[in-house]
Amino acid sequence: MITPVQKNEEFLSDFHEADKVTGAIHLWWLGQSTVLIKWDGKGLLFDPYLSDSLTRARRGTDSPMTRISERVIDPLLLTGIDLVACTSLEPDRLDAETILPLRASNPNLKLVLPAGAAQEAEDLLGRAAPPILRVNAGTYTSYSSFDFHGIEAATPKIHRDANGHSRELGYVVSFGPFAIYFSGETVWHTNLVKQIRRWPINLGILPISGEVKSGDRGDSLNGFEAAALSKAISASIVIPCDYDLFEETTTSPDEFSSCCERLGQRSRILKLGQRMTMGPVSDPGAGKALPSDPYQDDWQLGY
């Protein structure tokens, strides 16, 4: 079992202590595709899966999902979350056993979703569902400091509902001087790079779990493709996700890391529960600031 470098109260303390370092992006990887962002005192959580719902649902079936990492934090403990952004209705990306406790601990929580998945999400979450902000590919929605721009995702096809609304998306999230691309589950499709390159991407967060089997395209990027896409969109730095949660679907980040090195693409591999802070950074306790250019490699790793 993979043990987080920090969890529960220790993790929560680190999350709230990050407010002392201003002007920077703080990021924690919580396993699978669950990534927590803090900026300007606001908390944004991508594709949160902080339960064992999928393992229980698949137990005793022909397609088990055996958990291999400990949970970083109970969602009932995780306060300070303003927004949750889910990329699809997949159970490890929109998990009622995570989102409903998060809503209980964060009463003003808002949920960002592909427009074509919103009604099913409301049905799944019931009356306690957070208010939903809907996005389509090529459109955007805003809340607080964050603008969410919908980027088409293909798994391996692009899926829309009967009204043409997107059912799966990635997001470019812009805020202050920064832009993050969180791809969700997707393969590299025809218009992907063109859509993303409208923004100078400071940070890419991409899956590495995709495989090609028997000549068929998988549903997601593999390590080589994630590295190549990061380079194609000129991401200042990229981190991988979508691994080390389930025994049956995990992969090693080694291919991703070696491909990034060959391509000259900056990347970081985060440990479970680890924090990365990227500049510009002002730390009152240190009495100094790192360079103010957000495109430089101004980052620090913490536990």
Protein backbone atom coordinates (compact mmCIF):
# COMPACT_ATOMS: atom_id res chain seq x y z
CA MET A 1 0.00 0.00 0.00
CA ILE A 2 1.39 3.41 -1.03
CA THR A 3 1.52 5.75 1.96
CA PRO A 4 1.02 9.52 1.44
CA VAL A 5 3.85 11.79 2.51
CA GLN A 6 1.21 13.64 4.53
CA LYS A 7 -2.45 12.93 5.19
CA ASN A 8 -5.54 14.03 7.12
CA GLU A 9 -4.75 16.72 9.73
CA GLU A 10 -1.13 17.11 8.63
CA PHE A 11 -2.18 17.51 5.01
CA LEU A 12 -4.97 19.93 5.92
CA SER A 13 -2.53 22.04 7.92
CA ASP A 14 -0.21 22.24 4.91
CA PHE A 15 -3.14 23.22 2.68
CA HIS A 16 -4.15 26.10 4.94
CA GLU A 17 -0.55 27.15 5.73
CA ALA A 18 0.01 27.67 1.99
CA ASP A 19 -1.98 30.92 2.32
CA LYS A 20 1.14 32.46 3.87
CA VAL A 21 2.95 32.14 0.52
CA THR A 22 1.18 34.61 -1.76
CA GLY A 23 1.11 35.15 -5.50
CA ALA A 24 1.85 31.51 -6.29
CA ILE A 25 0.09 28.36 -7.44
CA HIS A 26 0.07 25.63 -4.81
CA LEU A 27 -0.72 22.13 -6.05
CA TRP A 28 -1.16 18.77 -4.32
CA TRP A 29 -1.60 15.38 -6.03
CA LEU A 30 -4.09 13.25 -4.07
CA GLY A 31 -3.93 10.10 -6.20
CA GLN A 32 -5.38 9.00 -9.56
CA SER A 33 -6.55 12.23 -11.28
CA THR A 34 -7.39 14.10 -8.08
CA VAL A 35 -5.43 17.36 -8.03
CA LEU A 36 -5.95 20.21 -5.57
CA ILE A 37 -5.03 23.78 -6.51
CA LYS A 38 -4.84 26.77 -4.20
CA TRP A 39 -4.40 30.31 -5.45
CA ASP A 40 -5.19 33.61 -3.75
CA GLY A 41 -6.77 31.75 -0.85
CA LYS A 42 -9.20 29.84 -3.10
CA GLY A 43 -9.35 26.04 -3.35
CA LEU A 44 -10.02 24.24 -6.64
CA LEU A 45 -10.27 20.44 -6.77
CA PHE A 46 -10.11 18.49 -10.04
CA ASP A 47 -11.79 15.07 -10.50
CA PRO A 48 -11.93 14.21 -6.79
CA TYR A 49 -12.00 10.56 -5.80
CA LEU A 50 -11.50 10.30 -2.04
CA SER A 51 -13.55 7.20 -1.22
CA ASP A 52 -13.54 3.43 -1.81
CA SER A 53 -16.82 3.42 -3.76
CA LEU A 54 -15.38 1.97 -6.96
CA THR A 55 -13.47 -0.78 -5.16
CA ARG A 56 -16.61 -1.83 -3.32
CA ALA A 57 -18.76 -1.69 -6.46
CA ARG A 58 -16.35 -3.92 -8.41
CA ARG A 59 -15.58 -6.41 -5.62
CA GLY A 60 -16.39 -9.97 -6.72
CA THR A 61 -16.81 -9.00 -10.40
CA ASP A 62 -14.68 -9.83 -13.45
CA SER A 63 -13.27 -6.27 -13.42
CA PRO A 64 -12.11 -5.52 -9.86
CA MET A 65 -10.49 -2.20 -8.92
CA THR A 66 -8.12 -3.00 -6.07
CA ARG A 67 -6.88 0.08 -4.26
CA ILE A 68 -3.08 0.27 -3.80
CA SER A 69 -2.70 3.69 -2.15
CA GLU A 70 -4.03 5.11 1.09
CA ARG A 71 -6.49 7.98 1.02
CA VAL A 72 -4.83 11.34 1.61
CA ILE A 73 -7.78 12.96 3.37
CA ASP A 74 -11.37 12.31 4.36
CA PRO A 75 -13.52 14.71 2.27
CA LEU A 76 -15.46 15.62 5.42
CA LEU A 77 -12.23 17.11 6.80
CA LEU A 78 -11.29 19.01 3.65
CA THR A 79 -12.43 22.58 4.19
CA GLY A 80 -11.47 25.62 2.12
CA ILE A 81 -12.69 24.23 -1.21
CA ASP A 82 -14.55 26.72 -3.38
CA LEU A 83 -14.83 24.77 -6.62
CA VAL A 84 -14.82 21.18 -7.83
CA ALA A 85 -14.26 20.62 -11.56
CA CYS A 86 -15.18 17.20 -12.95
CA THR A 87 -14.31 16.24 -16.52
CA SER A 88 -16.82 13.41 -17.05
CA LEU A 89 -19.30 11.10 -15.34
CA GLU A 90 -16.74 8.31 -14.85
CA PRO A 91 -17.02 7.06 -11.24
CA ASP A 92 -13.41 7.96 -10.37
CA ARG A 93 -13.97 11.51 -11.64
CA LEU A 94 -17.50 12.27 -10.39
CA ASP A 95 -17.86 10.33 -7.16
CA ALA A 96 -20.94 10.98 -5.02
CA GLU A 97 -19.19 9.59 -1.92
CA THR A 98 -16.57 12.32 -2.32
CA ILE A 99 -18.60 15.26 -3.61
CA LEU A 100 -21.49 15.08 -1.13
CA PRO A 101 -19.19 15.06 1.95
CA LEU A 102 -17.22 17.90 0.37
CA ARG A 103 -20.45 19.87 0.02
CA ALA A 104 -21.22 19.21 3.69
CA SER A 105 -17.83 20.59 4.76
CA ASN A 106 -17.91 23.42 2.20
CA PRO A 107 -21.53 24.71 2.04
CA ASN A 108 -20.78 27.27 -0.70
CA LEU A 109 -19.13 24.73 -3.00
CA LYS A 110 -19.77 25.03 -6.75
CA LEU A 111 -19.40 22.19 -9.29
CA VAL A 112 -18.05 22.74 -12.82
CA LEU A 113 -19.21 20.10 -15.34
CA PRO A 114 -19.48 19.44 -19.07
CA ALA A 115 -22.95 20.70 -20.02
CA GLY A 116 -23.97 17.34 -21.51
CA ALA A 117 -23.25 15.55 -18.22
CA ALA A 118 -24.90 18.04 -15.86
CA GLN A 119 -28.39 16.52 -15.68
CA GLU A 120 -27.10 13.01 -15.00
CA ALA A 121 -24.80 14.44 -12.34
CA GLU A 122 -27.73 16.17 -10.64
CA ASP A 123 -29.68 12.89 -10.70
CA LEU A 124 -26.73 11.00 -9.24
CA LEU A 125 -26.01 13.52 -6.46
CA GLY A 126 -29.63 14.22 -5.58
CA ARG A 127 -31.00 17.18 -3.65
CA ALA A 128 -27.68 17.82 -1.90
CA ALA A 129 -25.88 18.43 -5.20
CA PRO A 130 -23.80 21.63 -5.29
CA PRO A 131 -24.89 24.34 -7.75
CA ILE A 132 -23.56 23.36 -11.19
CA LEU A 133 -21.70 25.61 -13.63
CA ARG A 134 -22.03 24.18 -17.15
CA VAL A 135 -19.35 24.35 -19.84
CA ASN A 136 -19.14 23.23 -23.46
CA ALA A 137 -16.13 22.85 -25.72
CA GLY A 138 -15.26 26.32 -26.99
CA THR A 139 -17.17 28.13 -24.23
CA TYR A 140 -16.26 29.20 -20.71
CA THR A 141 -17.74 29.85 -17.31
CA SER A 142 -16.36 32.00 -14.51
CA TYR A 143 -16.54 31.87 -10.75
CA SER A 144 -14.57 33.89 -8.25
CA SER A 145 -11.04 34.28 -9.63
CA PHE A 146 -11.22 31.38 -12.10
CA ASP A 147 -12.26 31.14 -15.76
CA PHE A 148 -12.93 27.60 -17.02
CA HIS A 149 -12.55 27.15 -20.77
CA GLY A 150 -13.91 23.91 -22.23
CA ILE A 151 -11.46 21.83 -24.30
CA GLU A 152 -12.75 18.86 -26.30
CA ALA A 153 -11.82 15.44 -24.91
CA ALA A 154 -11.97 12.22 -26.94
CA THR A 155 -12.17 8.74 -25.35
CA PRO A 156 -11.31 7.85 -28.12
CA LYS A 157 -14.30 9.57 -29.78
CA ILE A 158 -15.81 12.93 -28.88
CA HIS A 159 -19.15 12.40 -27.13
CA ARG A 160 -22.05 14.87 -27.07
CA ASP A 161 -25.67 14.60 -25.96
CA ALA A 162 -28.74 14.90 -28.21
CA ASN A 163 -28.50 18.71 -28.02
CA GLY A 164 -24.84 18.80 -29.04
CA HIS A 165 -23.55 19.54 -25.53
CA SER A 166 -20.17 18.15 -24.45
CA ARG A 167 -20.21 15.07 -22.22
CA GLU A 168 -16.45 14.97 -21.60
CA LEU A 169 -14.04 17.90 -21.42
CA GLY A 170 -10.64 19.06 -20.41
CA TYR A 171 -10.29 22.55 -18.97
CA VAL A 172 -7.92 25.43 -19.44
CA VAL A 173 -8.33 27.34 -16.18
CA SER A 174 -7.06 30.90 -16.26
CA PHE A 175 -6.59 33.04 -13.14
CA GLY A 176 -4.34 36.00 -12.42
CA PRO A 177 -1.21 35.63 -14.59
CA PHE A 178 -1.58 31.83 -14.87
CA ALA A 179 -3.22 29.26 -17.14
CA ILE A 180 -3.47 25.55 -16.28
CA TYR A 181 -4.50 22.78 -18.66
CA PHE A 182 -6.17 19.82 -16.95
CA SER A 183 -6.96 17.34 -19.70
CA GLY A 184 -9.14 14.79 -17.94
CA GLU A 185 -9.28 11.49 -19.81
CA THR A 186 -8.53 12.04 -23.49
CA VAL A 187 -6.49 10.87 -26.45
CA TRP A 188 -4.62 13.24 -28.75
CA HIS A 189 -7.22 14.28 -31.34
CA THR A 190 -7.10 16.56 -34.39
CA ASN A 191 -7.97 19.93 -32.86
CA LEU A 192 -6.56 19.43 -29.37
CA VAL A 193 -3.31 21.37 -29.68
CA LYS A 194 -4.95 24.23 -31.61
CA GLN A 195 -7.61 24.66 -28.90
CA ILE A 196 -5.10 24.72 -26.04
CA ARG A 197 -2.49 26.98 -27.63
CA ARG A 198 -4.85 29.97 -27.38
CA TRP A 199 -3.32 30.35 -23.91
CA PRO A 200 0.29 30.31 -22.71
CA ILE A 201 0.12 27.22 -20.50
CA ASN A 202 2.09 27.48 -17.27
CA LEU A 203 1.17 24.06 -15.95
CA GLY A 204 -0.11 20.93 -17.67
CA ILE A 205 -1.74 18.06 -15.73
CA LEU A 206 -2.04 15.02 -18.00
CA PRO A 207 -2.89 11.31 -17.65
CA ILE A 208 -0.34 8.61 -18.49
CA SER A 209 -2.44 5.44 -18.15
CA GLY A 210 -3.50 4.95 -21.79
CA GLU A 211 -2.50 1.84 -23.70
CA VAL A 212 -2.90 0.54 -27.23
CA LYS A 213 -4.11 -3.06 -27.23
CA SER A 214 -4.74 -5.30 -30.24
CA GLY A 215 -4.51 -2.32 -32.56
CA ASP A 216 -7.26 -0.41 -30.75
CA ARG A 217 -6.73 3.09 -29.42
CA GLY A 218 -7.05 3.37 -25.63
CA ASP A 219 -9.17 5.99 -23.91
CA SER A 220 -6.34 8.15 -22.62
CA LEU A 221 -2.84 9.42 -23.23
CA ASN A 222 0.11 7.19 -22.41
CA GLY A 223 3.40 8.43 -20.99
CA PHE A 224 5.01 9.21 -24.35
CA GLU A 225 1.91 10.99 -25.66
CA ALA A 226 1.53 13.05 -22.48
CA ALA A 227 5.15 14.20 -22.77
CA ALA A 228 4.76 15.00 -26.48
CA LEU A 229 1.48 16.89 -25.95
CA SER A 230 3.08 18.95 -23.17
CA LYS A 231 5.84 19.95 -25.58
CA ALA A 232 3.36 20.70 -28.39
CA ILE A 233 1.34 23.10 -26.22
CA SER A 234 4.53 24.72 -24.84
CA ALA A 235 3.62 23.96 -21.23
CA SER A 236 6.14 25.54 -18.87
CA ILE A 237 5.99 22.46 -16.66
CA VAL A 238 3.88 19.29 -16.60
CA ILE A 239 2.95 16.71 -13.98
CA PRO A 240 1.44 13.27 -14.69
CA CYS A 241 -1.67 11.80 -13.09
CA ASP A 242 -4.10 8.87 -13.44
CA TYR A 243 -1.90 6.16 -11.93
CA ASP A 244 -1.01 4.47 -8.60
CA LEU A 245 -4.56 4.12 -7.31
CA PHE A 246 -5.86 0.81 -8.70
CA GLU A 247 -3.71 -2.27 -9.13
CA GLU A 248 -5.44 -3.28 -12.35
CA THR A 249 -4.98 0.05 -14.19
CA THR A 250 -1.82 1.62 -12.82
CA THR A 251 1.33 2.31 -14.79
CA SER A 252 4.80 3.64 -14.05
CA PRO A 253 5.65 7.33 -14.67
CA ASP A 254 9.12 6.28 -15.86
CA GLU A 255 8.24 6.37 -19.58
CA PHE A 256 6.67 9.80 -19.18
CA SER A 257 9.68 11.13 -17.30
CA SER A 258 12.25 9.77 -19.76
CA CYS A 259 10.28 11.07 -22.76
CA CYS A 260 10.04 14.54 -21.19
CA GLU A 261 13.80 14.49 -20.68
CA ARG A 262 14.45 13.54 -24.31
CA LEU A 263 12.07 16.25 -25.55
CA GLY A 264 13.46 18.95 -23.28
CA GLN A 265 10.07 19.26 -21.57
CA ARG A 266 10.18 20.26 -17.91
CA SER A 267 8.24 17.90 -15.66
CA ARG A 268 7.83 16.90 -12.04
CA ILE A 269 6.71 13.61 -10.51
CA LEU A 270 4.82 14.29 -7.29
CA LYS A 271 4.50 11.89 -4.39
CA LEU A 272 1.08 11.16 -2.97
CA GLY A 273 0.01 14.13 -0.83
CA GLN A 274 3.03 16.22 -1.81
CA ARG A 275 2.80 19.96 -2.46
CA MET A 276 4.36 21.81 -5.37
CA THR A 277 4.50 25.61 -5.30
CA MET A 278 5.34 27.50 -8.47
CA GLY A 279 6.07 31.24 -8.67
CA PRO A 280 5.92 34.09 -8.56
CA VAL A 281 6.38 33.45 -4.85
CA SER A 282 6.44 35.89 -1.96
CA ASP A 283 7.13 34.37 1.45
CA PRO A 284 6.85 36.93 4.29
CA GLY A 285 8.68 34.54 6.62
CA ALA A 286 11.67 34.32 4.29
CA GLY A 287 11.71 38.05 3.61
CA LYS A 288 12.37 37.58 -0.10
CA ALA A 289 10.62 36.84 -3.37
CA LEU A 290 11.48 34.58 -6.25
CA PRO A 291 11.57 36.08 -9.78
CA SER A 292 8.18 37.39 -10.88
CA ASP A 293 8.06 35.76 -14.33
CA PRO A 294 5.51 32.91 -14.00
CA TYR A 295 7.01 31.17 -17.04
CA GLN A 296 10.32 30.58 -15.33
CA ASP A 297 10.92 27.42 -13.37
CA ASP A 298 10.14 29.04 -10.02
CA TRP A 299 8.88 26.06 -8.08
CA GLN A 300 9.41 24.48 -4.73
CA LEU A 301 8.45 21.04 -3.50
CA GLY A 302 7.13 20.55 0.00
CA TYR A 303 5.59 17.87 2.16
